Amino acid sequence: MGINLRRTYSHTLSQADLMGKFINFQKEEGDSFTLQVANHLISLNVKQKEHHWWSPEMTLRLENEGSETTIHESVGPNSSMFTLAMFFVILGSVVLLAALMMSLSQMTIGEQPLLALVVTLFSGLLILVTFGVLAVGRMKAVEQVTRLREFVGSVIES
């Protein structure tokens, strides 16, 4: 859907120099991103005024490899949004399986499984809607991911 979630870059600057660049940009206000720098990990988030439910988070991990510094990038959804979505998927899956077992057992003993089949349908629908909402969020996040990557590129190249 247009977002490469994990990228790796190599840079000739040392780890300390790259960290220094991000720390300098962290002190400046005005960009639409917040930076958190700790050890060799940099976390970037969209500022609150532009933050939506689909807004991505980016993590950069810096590692020394010989004379180069390797930058490991990871882009993903807000962790609370992802947790909520996975809750609905797991809830729908458990209810779907339980209702399916109930409907099959009712059919086996010769009863009408109408309620169990309706619950099966709605739980399957819950799963599909949740994945649909995640897909819409991923499509809407493409612009913010592009801006995050451009921002990181401008910091590294400065």
Protein backbone atom coordinates (compact mmCIF):
# COMPACT_ATOMS: atom_id res chain seq x y z
CA MET A 1 0.00 0.00 0.00
CA GLY A 2 2.89 2.33 -0.51
CA ILE A 3 4.70 2.27 2.84
CA ASN A 4 7.94 0.36 3.32
CA LEU A 5 7.86 -0.23 7.07
CA ARG A 6 11.52 -1.08 7.66
CA ARG A 7 14.47 0.50 5.88
CA THR A 8 18.18 0.47 6.55
CA TYR A 9 20.61 3.24 5.62
CA SER A 10 24.38 3.57 5.90
CA HIS A 11 26.09 6.87 6.64
CA THR A 12 29.74 7.89 6.85
CA LEU A 13 29.28 10.07 9.94
CA SER A 14 29.86 8.55 13.34
CA GLN A 15 27.04 7.58 15.65
CA ALA A 16 27.82 10.48 17.99
CA ASP A 17 27.76 13.02 15.14
CA LEU A 18 24.40 11.78 13.88
CA MET A 19 23.00 11.82 17.41
CA GLY A 20 24.29 15.38 17.79
CA LYS A 21 22.43 16.46 14.66
CA PHE A 22 19.17 15.05 15.99
CA ILE A 23 19.73 16.60 19.42
CA ASN A 24 20.28 20.02 17.76
CA PHE A 25 17.05 19.65 15.78
CA GLN A 26 15.29 18.49 18.95
CA LYS A 27 15.99 21.88 20.55
CA GLU A 28 14.45 23.76 17.62
CA GLU A 29 10.71 24.25 17.54
CA GLY A 30 8.68 24.82 14.41
CA ASP A 31 8.77 21.46 12.68
CA SER A 32 5.63 19.38 12.84
CA PHE A 33 7.39 16.48 14.57
CA THR A 34 8.54 15.76 18.09
CA LEU A 35 11.84 14.00 18.66
CA GLN A 36 12.89 11.92 21.62
CA VAL A 37 16.54 10.97 21.73
CA ALA A 38 17.79 8.32 24.16
CA ASN A 39 20.99 6.27 23.94
CA HIS A 40 21.16 5.26 20.28
CA LEU A 41 17.43 5.35 19.67
CA ILE A 42 15.50 8.25 18.12
CA SER A 43 11.72 8.34 18.23
CA LEU A 44 9.75 10.71 15.98
CA ASN A 45 6.04 11.47 16.34
CA VAL A 46 3.67 13.86 14.63
CA LYS A 47 2.95 16.89 16.85
CA GLN A 48 -0.43 17.02 18.56
CA LYS A 49 -1.90 19.75 16.31
CA GLU A 50 -1.50 17.49 13.24
CA HIS A 51 -1.96 14.17 15.02
CA HIS A 52 -4.80 11.91 13.84
CA TRP A 53 -5.72 8.33 14.64
CA TRP A 54 -3.76 7.18 11.60
CA SER A 55 -0.60 9.18 12.36
CA PRO A 56 2.56 7.06 12.20
CA GLU A 57 5.46 6.79 14.60
CA MET A 58 9.04 6.38 13.42
CA THR A 59 11.94 4.88 15.35
CA LEU A 60 15.56 5.18 14.24
CA ARG A 61 18.18 2.90 15.76
CA LEU A 62 21.83 3.81 15.16
CA GLU A 63 24.53 1.12 15.13
CA ASN A 64 28.24 1.28 14.40
CA GLU A 65 29.42 -1.09 11.70
CA GLY A 66 33.08 -0.57 10.95
CA SER A 67 33.69 2.97 9.74
CA GLU A 68 30.01 3.55 8.94
CA THR A 69 26.90 4.09 11.00
CA THR A 70 23.89 2.01 10.08
CA ILE A 71 20.49 3.59 10.60
CA HIS A 72 17.62 1.14 11.08
CA GLU A 73 14.25 2.79 10.46
CA SER A 74 10.96 1.38 11.70
CA VAL A 75 7.61 3.00 10.86
CA GLY A 76 4.33 1.89 12.36
CA PRO A 77 1.00 2.99 13.75
CA ASN A 78 0.50 4.49 17.16
CA SER A 79 0.88 1.62 19.63
CA SER A 80 -2.41 2.34 21.43
CA MET A 81 -4.32 2.36 18.12
CA PHE A 82 -2.68 -0.90 17.05
CA THR A 83 -3.47 -2.49 20.42
CA LEU A 84 -7.12 -1.44 20.14
CA ALA A 85 -7.34 -2.84 16.60
CA MET A 86 -5.78 -6.14 17.64
CA PHE A 87 -8.21 -6.34 20.58
CA PHE A 88 -11.13 -6.13 18.15
CA VAL A 89 -9.56 -8.69 15.79
CA ILE A 90 -8.92 -11.17 18.61
CA LEU A 91 -12.37 -10.55 20.11
CA GLY A 92 -13.99 -11.11 16.72
CA SER A 93 -11.92 -14.25 16.11
CA VAL A 94 -12.75 -15.83 19.47
CA VAL A 95 -16.45 -15.01 19.15
CA LEU A 96 -16.47 -16.24 15.53
CA LEU A 97 -14.98 -19.59 16.50
CA ALA A 98 -17.25 -20.00 19.54
CA ALA A 99 -20.37 -19.11 17.54
CA LEU A 100 -19.31 -21.40 14.69
CA MET A 101 -18.83 -24.29 17.13
CA MET A 102 -22.18 -23.51 18.71
CA SER A 103 -23.96 -23.43 15.34
CA LEU A 104 -22.35 -26.71 14.24
CA SER A 105 -23.30 -28.40 17.51
CA GLN A 106 -26.88 -27.12 17.21
CA MET A 107 -27.10 -28.42 13.65
CA THR A 108 -25.75 -31.79 14.81
CA ILE A 109 -28.51 -32.22 17.39
CA GLY A 110 -31.16 -31.02 14.94
CA GLU A 111 -31.90 -27.53 16.31
CA GLN A 112 -32.00 -24.27 14.39
CA PRO A 113 -28.66 -22.42 14.71
CA LEU A 114 -30.07 -19.02 13.72
CA LEU A 115 -28.68 -17.01 16.67
CA ALA A 116 -25.25 -18.65 16.43
CA LEU A 117 -25.07 -17.99 12.68
CA VAL A 118 -26.04 -14.33 13.17
CA VAL A 119 -23.33 -13.96 15.84
CA THR A 120 -20.86 -15.68 13.47
CA LEU A 121 -21.75 -13.23 10.72
CA PHE A 122 -21.40 -10.16 12.96
CA SER A 123 -18.09 -11.30 14.46
CA GLY A 124 -16.70 -11.94 10.97
CA LEU A 125 -17.94 -8.49 9.99
CA LEU A 126 -16.16 -7.00 13.03
CA ILE A 127 -12.87 -8.54 11.86
CA LEU A 128 -13.32 -7.27 8.29
CA VAL A 129 -14.28 -3.76 9.42
CA THR A 130 -11.25 -3.60 11.74
CA PHE A 131 -8.88 -4.59 8.95
CA GLY A 132 -10.65 -2.13 6.65
CA VAL A 133 -10.14 0.70 9.13
CA LEU A 134 -6.45 -0.23 9.44
CA ALA A 135 -6.10 -0.22 5.63
CA VAL A 136 -7.72 3.22 5.40
CA GLY A 137 -5.40 4.51 8.12
CA ARG A 138 -2.38 3.12 6.32
CA MET A 139 -3.41 4.87 3.09
CA LYS A 140 -4.02 8.16 4.92
CA ALA A 141 -0.65 7.90 6.68
CA VAL A 142 1.37 7.79 3.45
CA GLU A 143 1.72 11.60 3.33
CA GLN A 144 2.88 11.84 6.96
CA VAL A 145 5.34 8.96 6.49
CA THR A 146 6.78 10.75 3.46
CA ARG A 147 7.14 13.97 5.47
CA LEU A 148 8.79 12.05 8.34
CA ARG A 149 11.31 10.51 5.94
CA GLU A 150 12.01 13.88 4.28
CA PHE A 151 12.53 15.43 7.72
CA VAL A 152 14.96 12.68 8.76
CA GLY A 153 16.79 13.07 5.45
CA SER A 154 17.11 16.83 5.93
CA VAL A 155 18.46 16.37 9.47
CA ILE A 156 21.04 13.80 8.37
CA GLU A 157 22.17 15.79 5.35
CA SER A 158 22.43 19.12 7.22
